[in-house]
C-alpha atoms as a PDB file:
ATOM      1  CA  UNK A   1      -5.272  95.996 123.974  1.00  0.00           C
ATOM      2  CA  UNK A   2      -2.688  93.418 124.898  1.00  0.00           C
ATOM      3  CA  UNK A   3       0.968  94.468 125.277  1.00  0.00           C
ATOM      4  CA  UNK A   4       4.051  91.916 125.085  1.00  0.00           C
ATOM      5  CA  UNK A   5       5.991  93.626 127.907  1.00  0.00           C
ATOM      6  CA  UNK A   6       9.042  91.876 127.004  1.00  0.00           C
ATOM      7  CA  UNK A   7       9.346  93.009 123.184  1.00  0.00           C
ATOM      8  CA  UNK A   8      10.721  96.109 121.450  1.00  0.00           C
ATOM      9  CA  UNK A   9      10.160  97.182 117.602  1.00  0.00           C
ATOM     10  CA  UNK A  10      13.272  98.670 116.139  1.00  0.00           C
ATOM     11  CA  UNK A  11      12.583 100.787 112.641  1.00  0.00           C
ATOM     12  CA  UNK A  12      15.075 102.911 110.943  1.00  0.00           C
ATOM     13  CA  UNK A  13      14.172 105.743 108.922  1.00  0.00           C
ATOM     14  CA  UNK A  14      16.069 107.253 106.071  1.00  0.00           C
ATOM     15  CA  UNK A  15      14.024 109.856 104.030  1.00  0.00           C
ATOM     16  CA  UNK A  16      11.174 107.438 103.989  1.00  0.00           C
ATOM     17  CA  UNK A  17       9.188 109.105 106.340  1.00  0.00           C
ATOM     18  CA  UNK A  18       5.838 108.510 104.561  1.00  0.00           C
ATOM     19  CA  UNK A  19       6.678 105.020 104.636  1.00  0.00           C
ATOM     20  CA  UNK A  20       7.813 104.863 108.403  1.00  0.00           C
ATOM     21  CA  UNK A  21       4.672 106.339 109.325  1.00  0.00           C
ATOM     22  CA  UNK A  22       2.914 103.572 107.450  1.00  0.00           C
ATOM     23  CA  UNK A  23       5.142 101.009 109.006  1.00  0.00           C
ATOM     24  CA  UNK A  24       4.100 102.334 112.606  1.00  0.00           C
ATOM     25  CA  UNK A  25       0.547 102.727 112.027  1.00  0.00           C
ATOM     26  CA  UNK A  26       0.307  99.153 111.036  1.00  0.00           C
ATOM     27  CA  UNK A  27       1.821  98.195 114.222  1.00  0.00           C
ATOM     28  CA  UNK A  28      -0.521 100.231 116.138  1.00  0.00           C
ATOM     29  CA  UNK A  29      -3.235  98.177 114.173  1.00  0.00           C
ATOM     30  CA  UNK A  30      -2.225  94.917 115.547  1.00  0.00           C
ATOM     31  CA  UNK A  31      -3.997  92.554 117.923  1.00  0.00           C
ATOM     32  CA  UNK A  32      -0.684  92.815 120.349  1.00  0.00           C
ATOM     33  CA  UNK A  33       1.554  95.767 120.645  1.00  0.00           C
ATOM     34  CA  UNK A  34       5.329  95.767 121.759  1.00  0.00           C
ATOM     35  CA  UNK A  35       6.342  97.607 125.128  1.00  0.00           C
ATOM     36  CA  UNK A  36       8.347 100.195 123.090  1.00  0.00           C
ATOM     37  CA  UNK A  37       8.724 101.210 119.415  1.00  0.00           C
ATOM     38  CA  UNK A  38      12.272 102.550 118.711  1.00  0.00           C
ATOM     39  CA  UNK A  39      12.770 104.715 115.333  1.00  0.00           C
ATOM     40  CA  UNK A  40      16.063 106.074 114.396  1.00  0.00           C
ATOM     41  CA  UNK A  41      16.122 108.538 112.047  1.00  0.00           C
ATOM     42  CA  UNK A  42      19.455 108.277 109.905  1.00  0.00           C
ATOM     43  CA  UNK A  43      20.057 111.745 109.068  1.00  0.00           C
ATOM     44  CA  UNK A  44      17.612 112.100 106.503  1.00  0.00           C
ATOM     45  CA  UNK A  45      16.500 115.367 105.134  1.00  0.00           C
ATOM     46  CA  UNK A  46      15.057 118.003 107.465  1.00  0.00           C
ATOM     47  CA  UNK A  47      11.588 117.771 106.309  1.00  0.00           C
ATOM     48  CA  UNK A  48      11.734 114.277 106.454  1.00  0.00           C
ATOM     49  CA  UNK A  49      12.657 114.014 109.843  1.00  0.00           C
ATOM     50  CA  UNK A  50      10.308 116.970 110.926  1.00  0.00           C
ATOM     51  CA  UNK A  51       7.430 114.856 109.168  1.00  0.00           C
ATOM     52  CA  UNK A  52       8.011 111.765 111.289  1.00  0.00           C
ATOM     53  CA  UNK A  53       8.882 113.840 114.522  1.00  0.00           C
ATOM     54  CA  UNK A  54       5.500 115.622 114.155  1.00  0.00           C
ATOM     55  CA  UNK A  55       3.661 112.489 113.816  1.00  0.00           C
ATOM     56  CA  UNK A  56       5.659 110.175 116.654  1.00  0.00           C
ATOM     57  CA  UNK A  57       4.823 113.397 118.925  1.00  0.00           C
ATOM     58  CA  UNK A  58       1.226 113.550 118.578  1.00  0.00           C
ATOM     59  CA  UNK A  59       0.821 109.505 118.405  1.00  0.00           C
ATOM     60  CA  UNK A  60      -0.370 108.145 121.961  1.00  0.00           C
ATOM     61  CA  UNK A  61      -0.705 104.448 122.599  1.00  0.00           C
ATOM     62  CA  UNK A  62      -1.748 102.869 125.911  1.00  0.00           C
ATOM     63  CA  UNK A  63       1.244 101.216 127.544  1.00  0.00           C
ATOM     64  CA  UNK A  64       3.493 101.876 124.708  1.00  0.00           C
ATOM     65  CA  UNK A  65       6.331 103.907 124.593  1.00  0.00           C
ATOM     66  CA  UNK A  66       7.580 105.771 120.982  1.00  0.00           C
ATOM     67  CA  UNK A  67      11.310 106.788 121.146  1.00  0.00           C
ATOM     68  CA  UNK A  68      12.430 108.544 118.061  1.00  0.00           C
ATOM     69  CA  UNK A  69      16.265 108.953 118.139  1.00  0.00           C
ATOM     70  CA  UNK A  70      18.478 111.192 115.470  1.00  0.00           C
ATOM     71  CA  UNK A  71      21.556 110.800 114.152  1.00  0.00           C
ATOM     72  CA  UNK A  72      23.735 113.498 112.537  1.00  0.00           C
ATOM     73  CA  UNK A  73      25.130 111.170 110.188  1.00  0.00           C
ATOM     74  CA  UNK A  74      23.260 108.116 108.233  1.00  0.00           C
ATOM     75  CA  UNK A  75      24.902 104.807 110.223  1.00  0.00           C
ATOM     76  CA  UNK A  76      23.400 102.667 107.669  1.00  0.00           C
ATOM     77  CA  UNK A  77      21.169  99.599 108.760  1.00  0.00           C
ATOM     78  CA  UNK A  78      24.229  97.651 110.661  1.00  0.00           C
ATOM     79  CA  UNK A  79      25.168 100.488 112.969  1.00  0.00           C
ATOM     80  CA  UNK A  80      22.042 102.117 113.093  1.00  0.00           C
ATOM     81  CA  UNK A  81      20.390  98.892 114.874  1.00  0.00           C
ATOM     82  CA  UNK A  82      23.579  98.197 116.873  1.00  0.00           C
ATOM     83  CA  UNK A  83      22.374 101.799 118.642  1.00  0.00           C
ATOM     84  CA  UNK A  84      18.986 100.872 119.149  1.00  0.00           C
ATOM     85  CA  UNK A  85      19.904  97.313 120.312  1.00  0.00           C
ATOM     86  CA  UNK A  86      22.358  98.773 123.242  1.00  0.00           C
ATOM     87  CA  UNK A  87      19.489 101.310 123.917  1.00  0.00           C
ATOM     88  CA  UNK A  88      16.807  98.940 124.327  1.00  0.00           C
ATOM     89  CA  UNK A  89      18.378  96.087 126.251  1.00  0.00           C
ATOM     90  CA  UNK A  90      19.339  98.956 128.727  1.00  0.00           C
ATOM     91  CA  UNK A  91      15.591  97.711 129.928  1.00  0.00           C
ATOM     92  CA  UNK A  92      16.344  94.465 131.848  1.00  0.00           C
ATOM     93  CA  UNK A  93      12.759  93.773 130.838  1.00  0.00           C
ATOM     94  CA  UNK A  94      13.552  93.336 127.271  1.00  0.00           C
ATOM     95  CA  UNK A  95      14.385  90.037 125.784  1.00  0.00           C
ATOM     96  CA  UNK A  96      12.773  89.939 122.718  1.00  0.00           C
ATOM     97  CA  UNK A  97      13.351  92.672 119.989  1.00  0.00           C
ATOM     98  CA  UNK A  98      11.725  92.892 116.247  1.00  0.00           C
ATOM     99  CA  UNK A  99      13.234  94.386 113.357  1.00  0.00           C
ATOM    100  CA  UNK A 100      11.213  95.585 110.828  1.00  0.00           C
ATOM    101  CA  UNK A 101      11.960  97.627 107.535  1.00  0.00           C
ATOM    102  CA  UNK A 102      10.618 101.143 107.338  1.00  0.00           C
ATOM    103  CA  UNK A 103       9.043  99.872 104.038  1.00  0.00           C
ATOM    104  CA  UNK A 104       7.340  97.120 105.533  1.00  0.00           C
ATOM    105  CA  UNK A 105       3.666  97.118 106.749  1.00  0.00           C
ATOM    106  CA  UNK A 106       3.048  94.644 109.920  1.00  0.00           C
ATOM    107  CA  UNK A 107       0.126  92.688 109.379  1.00  0.00           C
ATOM    108  CA  UNK A 108      -2.175  92.373 112.860  1.00  0.00           C
ATOM    109  CA  UNK A 109      -0.712  89.026 114.002  1.00  0.00           C
ATOM    110  CA  UNK A 110       2.945  89.936 113.551  1.00  0.00           C
ATOM    111  CA  UNK A 111       3.744  91.053 117.076  1.00  0.00           C
ATOM    112  CA  UNK A 112       1.567  88.492 118.672  1.00  0.00           C
ATOM    113  CA  UNK A 113       3.147  85.414 116.709  1.00  0.00           C
ATOM    114  CA  UNK A 114       6.446  86.264 116.631  1.00  0.00           C
ATOM    115  CA  UNK A 115       6.629  87.014 120.412  1.00  0.00           C
ATOM    116  CA  UNK A 116       4.130  83.657 121.646  1.00  0.00           C
ATOM    117  CA  UNK A 117       6.594  81.909 119.423  1.00  0.00           C
ATOM    118  CA  UNK A 118       9.639  82.990 120.952  1.00  0.00           C
ATOM    119  CA  UNK A 119       8.180  82.815 124.672  1.00  0.00           C
ATOM    120  CA  UNK A 120       7.464  78.983 123.949  1.00  0.00           C
ATOM    121  CA  UNK A 121      10.818  78.009 122.590  1.00  0.00           C
ATOM    122  CA  UNK A 122      13.931  76.878 124.546  1.00  0.00           C
ATOM    123  CA  UNK A 123      16.932  79.025 125.091  1.00  0.00           C
ATOM    124  CA  UNK A 124      18.824  77.552 122.120  1.00  0.00           C
ATOM    125  CA  UNK A 125      16.186  79.266 119.835  1.00  0.00           C
ATOM    126  CA  UNK A 126      17.897  82.477 119.066  1.00  0.00           C
ATOM    127  CA  UNK A 127      15.895  84.298 116.356  1.00  0.00           C
ATOM    128  CA  UNK A 128      12.040  83.669 114.728  1.00  0.00           C
ATOM    129  CA  UNK A 129      11.570  84.385 111.313  1.00  0.00           C
ATOM    130  CA  UNK A 130       8.451  84.381 109.329  1.00  0.00           C
ATOM    131  CA  UNK A 131       7.482  85.151 105.723  1.00  0.00           C
ATOM    132  CA  UNK A 132       7.363  88.343 104.424  1.00  0.00           C
ATOM    133  CA  UNK A 133       5.492  89.004 100.928  1.00  0.00           C
ATOM    134  CA  UNK A 134       5.343  91.739  98.467  1.00  0.00           C
ATOM    135  CA  UNK A 135       3.350  94.984  99.075  1.00  0.00           C
ATOM    136  CA  UNK A 136       2.199  95.770  95.501  1.00  0.00           C
ATOM    137  CA  UNK A 137       1.553  91.782  95.149  1.00  0.00           C
ATOM    138  CA  UNK A 138       0.567  90.054  98.374  1.00  0.00           C
ATOM    139  CA  UNK A 139       0.357  86.487  96.878  1.00  0.00           C
ATOM    140  CA  UNK A 140       4.179  86.909  95.876  1.00  0.00           C
ATOM    141  CA  UNK A 141       6.949  85.844  98.335  1.00  0.00           C
ATOM    142  CA  UNK A 142       9.216  88.648  99.009  1.00  0.00           C
ATOM    143  CA  UNK A 143      11.582  86.681 101.510  1.00  0.00           C
ATOM    144  CA  UNK A 144      11.321  83.458 103.650  1.00  0.00           C
ATOM    145  CA  UNK A 145      14.316  84.389 105.144  1.00  0.00           C
ATOM    146  CA  UNK A 146      18.116  83.572 104.292  1.00  0.00           C
ATOM    147  CA  UNK A 147      19.333  80.575 102.538  1.00  0.00           C
ATOM    148  CA  UNK A 148      22.997  79.636 101.666  1.00  0.00           C
ATOM    149  CA  UNK A 149      23.663  77.884  98.457  1.00  0.00           C
ATOM    150  CA  UNK A 150      26.366  75.490  96.848  1.00  0.00           C
ATOM    151  CA  UNK A 151      28.165  78.644  95.822  1.00  0.00           C
ATOM    152  CA  UNK A 152      28.335  80.008  99.134  1.00  0.00           C
ATOM    153  CA  UNK A 153      26.240  83.060  97.950  1.00  0.00           C
ATOM    154  CA  UNK A 154      23.533  84.005 100.554  1.00  0.00           C
ATOM    155  CA  UNK A 155      20.443  85.083  99.297  1.00  0.00           C
ATOM    156  CA  UNK A 156      16.871  85.567 100.297  1.00  0.00           C
ATOM    157  CA  UNK A 157      14.755  82.310 100.155  1.00  0.00           C
ATOM    158  CA  UNK A 158      11.864  82.121  98.175  1.00  0.00           C
ATOM    159  CA  UNK A 159      11.075  78.481  98.356  1.00  0.00           C
ATOM    160  CA  UNK A 160      10.723  76.184 101.472  1.00  0.00           C
ATOM    161  CA  UNK A 161      12.918  73.569  99.669  1.00  0.00           C
ATOM    162  CA  UNK A 162      15.855  75.652 100.345  1.00  0.00           C
ATOM    163  CA  UNK A 163      17.416  75.567 103.668  1.00  0.00           C
ATOM    164  CA  UNK A 164      16.912  78.425 106.278  1.00  0.00           C
ATOM    165  CA  UNK A 165      19.983  79.446 107.873  1.00  0.00           C
ATOM    166  CA  UNK A 166      18.015  82.604 109.508  1.00  0.00           C
ATOM    167  CA  UNK A 167      15.740  85.211 109.080  1.00  0.00           C
ATOM    168  CA  UNK A 168      16.188  88.549 106.975  1.00  0.00           C
ATOM    169  CA  UNK A 169      16.924  91.604 108.986  1.00  0.00           C
ATOM    170  CA  UNK A 170      13.916  93.234 107.424  1.00  0.00           C
ATOM    171  CA  UNK A 171      11.217  91.104 109.556  1.00  0.00           C
ATOM    172  CA  UNK A 172      12.590  89.172 112.676  1.00  0.00           C
ATOM    173  CA  UNK A 173      12.835  88.350 116.196  1.00  0.00           C
ATOM    174  CA  UNK A 174      16.292  88.297 117.978  1.00  0.00           C
ATOM    175  CA  UNK A 175      16.276  87.376 121.739  1.00  0.00           C
ATOM    176  CA  UNK A 176      18.842  88.867 124.074  1.00  0.00           C
ATOM    177  CA  UNK A 177      20.272  85.855 125.364  1.00  0.00           C
ATOM    178  CA  UNK A 178      21.507  85.166 121.505  1.00  0.00           C
ATOM    179  CA  UNK A 179      22.505  88.959 121.194  1.00  0.00           C
ATOM    180  CA  UNK A 180      24.435  89.289 124.235  1.00  0.00           C
ATOM    181  CA  UNK A 181      26.203  85.756 123.435  1.00  0.00           C
ATOM    182  CA  UNK A 182      27.308  86.951 119.727  1.00  0.00           C
ATOM    183  CA  UNK A 183      28.342  90.488 121.222  1.00  0.00           C
ATOM    184  CA  UNK A 184      30.668  88.901 123.715  1.00  0.00           C
ATOM    185  CA  UNK A 185      32.410  86.563 120.876  1.00  0.00           C
ATOM    186  CA  UNK A 186      32.565  89.527 118.192  1.00  0.00           C
ATOM    187  CA  UNK A 187      32.329  92.501 120.299  1.00  0.00           C
ATOM    188  CA  UNK A 188      29.348  93.609 118.132  1.00  0.00           C
ATOM    189  CA  UNK A 189      25.764  92.466 116.731  1.00  0.00           C
ATOM    190  CA  UNK A 190      25.794  93.511 113.391  1.00  0.00           C
ATOM    191  CA  UNK A 191      28.948  94.397 111.753  1.00  0.00           C
ATOM    192  CA  UNK A 192      29.122  98.259 111.289  1.00  0.00           C
ATOM    193  CA  UNK A 193      31.630  97.630 108.713  1.00  0.00           C
ATOM    194  CA  UNK A 194      28.934  96.354 105.600  1.00  0.00           C
ATOM    195  CA  UNK A 195      26.865  99.350 106.353  1.00  0.00           C
ATOM    196  CA  UNK A 196      23.948  97.643 104.817  1.00  0.00           C
ATOM    197  CA  UNK A 197      23.299  94.372 102.860  1.00  0.00           C
ATOM    198  CA  UNK A 198      24.637  90.962 104.052  1.00  0.00           C
ATOM    199  CA  UNK A 199      24.977  92.100 107.551  1.00  0.00           C
ATOM    200  CA  UNK A 200      22.124  90.147 108.495  1.00  0.00           C
ATOM    201  CA  UNK A 201      23.336  86.725 106.786  1.00  0.00           C
ATOM    202  CA  UNK A 202      27.042  87.606 109.016  1.00  0.00           C
ATOM    203  CA  UNK A 203      24.445  87.865 112.345  1.00  0.00           C
ATOM    204  CA  UNK A 204      23.084  84.933 111.989  1.00  0.00           C
ATOM    205  CA  UNK A 205      25.746  82.954 110.545  1.00  0.00           C
ATOM    206  CA  UNK A 206      27.405  83.905 113.905  1.00  0.00           C
ATOM    207  CA  UNK A 207      24.456  82.887 116.070  1.00  0.00           C
ATOM    208  CA  UNK A 208      24.227  79.674 113.875  1.00  0.00           C
ATOM    209  CA  UNK A 209      27.738  78.753 114.290  1.00  0.00           C
ATOM    210  CA  UNK A 210      27.406  79.610 118.180  1.00  0.00           C
ATOM    211  CA  UNK A 211      24.658  77.279 118.184  1.00  0.00           C
ATOM    212  CA  UNK A 212      21.359  79.180 118.109  1.00  0.00           C
ATOM    213  CA  UNK A 213      18.409  77.722 115.960  1.00  0.00           C
ATOM    214  CA  UNK A 214      15.974  79.729 114.005  1.00  0.00           C
ATOM    215  CA  UNK A 215      12.265  78.980 114.492  1.00  0.00           C
ATOM    216  CA  UNK A 216      10.330  79.642 111.394  1.00  0.00           C
ATOM    217  CA  UNK A 217       6.841  80.805 111.362  1.00  0.00           C
ATOM    218  CA  UNK A 218       5.153  79.876 107.971  1.00  0.00           C
ATOM    219  CA  UNK A 219       2.843  82.466 108.041  1.00  0.00           C
ATOM    220  CA  UNK A 220       2.660  86.120 106.112  1.00  0.00           C
ATOM    221  CA  UNK A 221       2.948  88.581 108.725  1.00  0.00           C
ATOM    222  CA  UNK A 222       4.513  91.439 106.861  1.00  0.00           C
ATOM    223  CA  UNK A 223       4.105  93.054 103.386  1.00  0.00           C
ATOM    224  CA  UNK A 224       7.526  94.600 101.950  1.00  0.00           C
ATOM    225  CA  UNK A 225       7.705  97.417  99.300  1.00  0.00           C
ATOM    226  CA  UNK A 226      11.538  96.928  98.471  1.00  0.00           C
ATOM    227  CA  UNK A 227      14.473  98.900  98.596  1.00  0.00           C
ATOM    228  CA  UNK A 228      12.503 102.323  99.323  1.00  0.00           C
ATOM    229  CA  UNK A 229      16.093 103.738 100.712  1.00  0.00           C
ATOM    230  CA  UNK A 230      18.330 102.257  98.161  1.00  0.00           C
ATOM    231  CA  UNK A 231      16.962 103.075  95.116  1.00  0.00           C
ATOM    232  CA  UNK A 232      15.319  99.740  93.909  1.00  0.00           C
ATOM    233  CA  UNK A 233      15.916  97.828  90.783  1.00  0.00           C
ATOM    234  CA  UNK A 234      19.491  97.572  89.393  1.00  0.00           C
ATOM    235  CA  UNK A 235      21.156  99.459  91.524  1.00  0.00           C
ATOM    236  CA  UNK A 236      25.013 100.242  92.180  1.00  0.00           C
ATOM    237  CA  UNK A 237      24.418 100.825  95.670  1.00  0.00           C
ATOM    238  CA  UNK A 238      23.271  97.528  96.104  1.00  0.00           C
ATOM    239  CA  UNK A 239      25.657  95.919  94.015  1.00  0.00           C
ATOM    240  CA  UNK A 240      28.744  97.557  95.446  1.00  0.00           C
ATOM    241  CA  UNK A 241      27.655  96.448  99.175  1.00  0.00           C
ATOM    242  CA  UNK A 242      26.047  92.955  98.336  1.00  0.00           C
ATOM    243  CA  UNK A 243      29.510  91.731  96.279  1.00  0.00           C
ATOM    244  CA  UNK A 244      32.050  93.793  98.898  1.00  0.00           C
ATOM    245  CA  UNK A 245      30.167  92.616 101.729  1.00  0.00           C
ATOM    246  CA  UNK A 246      29.870  88.873 100.833  1.00  0.00           C
ATOM    247  CA  UNK A 247      33.781  88.780 100.082  1.00  0.00           C
ATOM    248  CA  UNK A 248      34.403  90.254 103.877  1.00  0.00           C
ATOM    249  CA  UNK A 249      32.116  87.692 105.495  1.00  0.00           C
ATOM    250  CA  UNK A 250      33.223  84.617 103.600  1.00  0.00           C
ATOM    251  CA  UNK A 251      37.226  86.192 104.739  1.00  0.00           C
ATOM    252  CA  UNK A 252      35.704  86.308 108.188  1.00  0.00           C
ATOM    253  CA  UNK A 253      33.843  83.166 108.799  1.00  0.00           C
ATOM    254  CA  UNK A 254      34.530  80.689 105.987  1.00  0.00           C
ATOM    255  CA  UNK A 255      36.348  77.550 107.063  1.00  0.00           C
ATOM    256  CA  UNK A 256      39.391  76.739 104.828  1.00  0.00           C
ATOM    257  CA  UNK A 257      37.741  73.018 104.684  1.00  0.00           C
ATOM    258  CA  UNK A 258      34.403  74.693 103.242  1.00  0.00           C
ATOM    259  CA  UNK A 259      36.094  76.854 100.660  1.00  0.00           C
ATOM    260  CA  UNK A 260      38.626  73.979  99.197  1.00  0.00           C
ATOM    261  CA  UNK A 261      34.907  72.056  98.989  1.00  0.00           C
ATOM    262  CA  UNK A 262      33.190  74.872  97.416  1.00  0.00           C
ATOM    263  CA  UNK A 263      35.504  77.169  96.231  1.00  0.00           C
ATOM    264  CA  UNK A 264      35.151  76.745  92.727  1.00  0.00           C
ATOM    265  CA  UNK A 265      31.405  77.294  92.607  1.00  0.00           C
ATOM    266  CA  UNK A 266      32.403  80.586  94.512  1.00  0.00           C
ATOM    267  CA  UNK A 267      34.801  81.618  92.270  1.00  0.00           C
ATOM    268  CA  UNK A 268      32.429  80.868  89.126  1.00  0.00           C
ATOM    269  CA  UNK A 269      29.822  82.919  91.218  1.00  0.00           C
ATOM    270  CA  UNK A 270      31.873  86.079  91.026  1.00  0.00           C
ATOM    271  CA  UNK A 271      32.617  85.207  87.736  1.00  0.00           C
ATOM    272  CA  UNK A 272      29.252  85.131  86.514  1.00  0.00           C
ATOM    273  CA  UNK A 273      28.481  88.500  87.920  1.00  0.00           C
ATOM    274  CA  UNK A 274      31.742  90.321  86.822  1.00  0.00           C
ATOM    275  CA  UNK A 275      30.608  89.121  83.279  1.00  0.00           C
ATOM    276  CA  UNK A 276      26.933  90.459  84.338  1.00  0.00           C
ATOM    277  CA  UNK A 277      28.103  93.989  85.241  1.00  0.00           C
ATOM    278  CA  UNK A 278      30.547  94.038  82.595  1.00  0.00           C
ATOM    279  CA  UNK A 279      28.137  93.070  79.942  1.00  0.00           C
ATOM    280  CA  UNK A 280      25.909  96.241  80.720  1.00  0.00           C
ATOM    281  CA  UNK A 281      28.714  98.740  80.872  1.00  0.00           C
ATOM    282  CA  UNK A 282      29.592  98.446  85.114  1.00  0.00           C
ATOM    283  CA  UNK A 283      33.279  97.946  84.813  1.00  0.00           C
ATOM    284  CA  UNK A 284      33.941 101.330  86.943  1.00  0.00           C
ATOM    285  CA  UNK A 285      31.755  99.947  89.373  1.00  0.00           C
ATOM    286  CA  UNK A 286      33.203  96.555  89.875  1.00  0.00           C
ATOM    287  CA  UNK A 287      36.559  97.809  89.851  1.00  0.00           C
ATOM    288  CA  UNK A 288      35.651  99.833  92.712  1.00  0.00           C
ATOM    289  CA  UNK A 289      33.785  97.018  94.630  1.00  0.00           C
ATOM    290  CA  UNK A 290      36.659  94.825  94.535  1.00  0.00           C
ATOM    291  CA  UNK A 291      39.344  97.153  95.151  1.00  0.00           C
ATOM    292  CA  UNK A 292      37.555  98.172  98.332  1.00  0.00           C
ATOM    293  CA  UNK A 293      36.639  94.903  99.246  1.00  0.00           C
ATOM    294  CA  UNK A 294      40.346  93.404  98.803  1.00  0.00           C
ATOM    295  CA  UNK A 295      41.658  96.550 100.798  1.00  0.00           C
ATOM    296  CA  UNK A 296      39.284  95.900 103.561  1.00  0.00           C
ATOM    297  CA  UNK A 297      40.127  92.242 104.129  1.00  0.00           C
ATOM    298  CA  UNK A 298      43.194  92.415 106.105  1.00  0.00           C
ATOM    299  CA  UNK A 299      41.074  93.760 109.163  1.00  0.00           C
ATOM    300  CA  UNK A 300      38.464  90.625 108.545  1.00  0.00           C
ATOM    301  CA  UNK A 301      41.739  88.405 108.119  1.00  0.00           C
ATOM    302  CA  UNK A 302      42.877  89.341 111.795  1.00  0.00           C
ATOM    303  CA  UNK A 303      39.271  88.294 113.388  1.00  0.00           C
ATOM    304  CA  UNK A 304      39.234  84.769 111.770  1.00  0.00           C
ATOM    305  CA  UNK A 305      41.172  83.599 114.467  1.00  0.00           C
ATOM    306  CA  UNK A 306      38.784  84.509 116.936  1.00  0.00           C
ATOM    307  CA  UNK A 307      35.856  83.019 115.410  1.00  0.00           C
ATOM    308  CA  UNK A 308      37.955  79.677 114.352  1.00  0.00           C
ATOM    309  CA  UNK A 309      38.561  79.299 118.365  1.00  0.00           C
ATOM    310  CA  UNK A 310      35.086  80.393 119.394  1.00  0.00           C
ATOM    311  CA  UNK A 311      32.951  77.960 117.122  1.00  0.00           C
ATOM    312  CA  UNK A 312      33.058  74.653 116.909  1.00  0.00           C
ATOM    313  CA  UNK A 313      32.356  71.913 114.682  1.00  0.00           C
ATOM    314  CA  UNK A 314      32.065  74.402 111.719  1.00  0.00           C
ATOM    315  CA  UNK A 315      32.214  72.119 108.783  1.00  0.00           C
ATOM    316  CA  UNK A 316      29.258  70.454 110.195  1.00  0.00           C
ATOM    317  CA  UNK A 317      27.160  73.610 110.813  1.00  0.00           C
ATOM    318  CA  UNK A 318      28.326  75.103 107.606  1.00  0.00           C
ATOM    319  CA  UNK A 319      27.566  71.626 105.533  1.00  0.00           C
ATOM    320  CA  UNK A 320      24.053  71.302 107.548  1.00  0.00           C
ATOM    321  CA  UNK A 321      22.942  74.575 106.349  1.00  0.00           C
ATOM    322  CA  UNK A 322      23.803  74.771 102.340  1.00  0.00           C
ATOM    323  CA  UNK A 323      21.307  74.133 100.009  1.00  0.00           C
ATOM    324  CA  UNK A 324      22.369  71.783  97.131  1.00  0.00           C
ATOM    325  CA  UNK A 325      21.456  74.432  94.392  1.00  0.00           C
ATOM    326  CA  UNK A 326      24.091  76.381  92.852  1.00  0.00           C
ATOM    327  CA  UNK A 327      21.669  79.496  93.894  1.00  0.00           C
ATOM    328  CA  UNK A 328      18.358  80.552  93.960  1.00  0.00           C
ATOM    329  CA  UNK A 329      15.932  78.668  90.996  1.00  0.00           C
ATOM    330  CA  UNK A 330      14.547  81.187  88.611  1.00  0.00           C
ATOM    331  CA  UNK A 331      17.482  83.804  89.385  1.00  0.00           C
ATOM    332  CA  UNK A 332      18.824  83.961  85.904  1.00  0.00           C
ATOM    333  CA  UNK A 333      15.105  85.102  84.638  1.00  0.00           C
ATOM    334  CA  UNK A 334      15.018  87.519  87.314  1.00  0.00           C
ATOM    335  CA  UNK A 335      18.138  88.923  86.408  1.00  0.00           C
ATOM    336  CA  UNK A 336      17.590  89.308  82.731  1.00  0.00           C
ATOM    337  CA  UNK A 337      13.970  90.779  83.961  1.00  0.00           C
ATOM    338  CA  UNK A 338      15.557  93.568  85.708  1.00  0.00           C
ATOM    339  CA  UNK A 339      18.093  94.339  83.164  1.00  0.00           C
ATOM    340  CA  UNK A 340      15.758  94.636  80.368  1.00  0.00           C
ATOM    341  CA  UNK A 341      13.713  96.909  82.577  1.00  0.00           C
ATOM    342  CA  UNK A 342      16.760  99.088  83.053  1.00  0.00           C
ATOM    343  CA  UNK A 343      17.664  99.007  79.761  1.00  0.00           C
ATOM    344  CA  UNK A 344      14.162 100.308  78.761  1.00  0.00           C
ATOM    345  CA  UNK A 345      14.146 103.070  81.297  1.00  0.00           C
ATOM    346  CA  UNK A 346      17.592 104.371  79.933  1.00  0.00           C
ATOM    347  CA  UNK A 347      16.323 104.440  76.518  1.00  0.00           C
ATOM    348  CA  UNK A 348      13.180 106.365  77.447  1.00  0.00           C
ATOM    349  CA  UNK A 349      15.608 108.928  79.359  1.00  0.00           C
ATOM    350  CA  UNK A 350      17.639 109.182  76.237  1.00  0.00           C
ATOM    351  CA  UNK A 351      14.426 109.884  73.928  1.00  0.00           C
ATOM    352  CA  UNK A 352      13.546 112.968  76.498  1.00  0.00           C
ATOM    353  CA  UNK A 353      16.666 114.385  76.460  1.00  0.00           C
END
């Protein structure tokens, strides 16, 4: 079995041992294997961790090292990845880091295609992304990377016509040189304050502003179950972190000139979000989200000067990566479908009680 000696895979487990094992097994069946597979257990329940520990301990792969780490508290995706990135880069031969969600299944050519592509691209290429489709419906797109729209809101790209900013953190390859460069500027890879959601957008935006490019492979290389750790569906957890973190990201990275050009659309996007969640009775969630976002703003404002000084030609870079549409197409029908499903679930639960 061929081994990509410059590559390591990073996977985070949080009470998803069965899915994480499935993920590891899918990598194991690949046409090429990474040199190391790092798995971080993010303070899962003891039985979940023990199941994962037993599987990893029993697994032997020629030429591949499996390393299971355990955190005594849930670090979230951002800080968890930072921990594994630091550990992985201690190996001077490791120049390519592959990130894959624990509830994803890698297709056989995932490692080979991503690492080969990264090896054949110039130094200015810092990231590699690919198609990730839905596990339950393999013909349906889960994500084609991250796009940024005229509302200045990021979202999973579902259409190739939308401009690509960078790959999703759930399925990507990040080069060592790019990671070390953005760390020198910011002092971190992923912003741990985000915990999860929008942390990958923040990272790829900083990489793009720093002059790095993304290579996109238009092949289905992974299948994704989706939101296995965060509850899925219309989740308060996802709403809170997604909205709060987008506000922080804009405060930290958005140039004033771009805000003056697109700011009204950004305000409209927030008003529509408030209307949606308020209409469905989530006023308390909205209050907590915006209160915490505003409380955290001072630390992000303090960082602005550093990034404004580090990144040149910011306006041109932002404009060249903004998709002309207000937001992702068919998002309204998606929201109505999700809210309708949640309403039906609530009614069934009330009837049972």
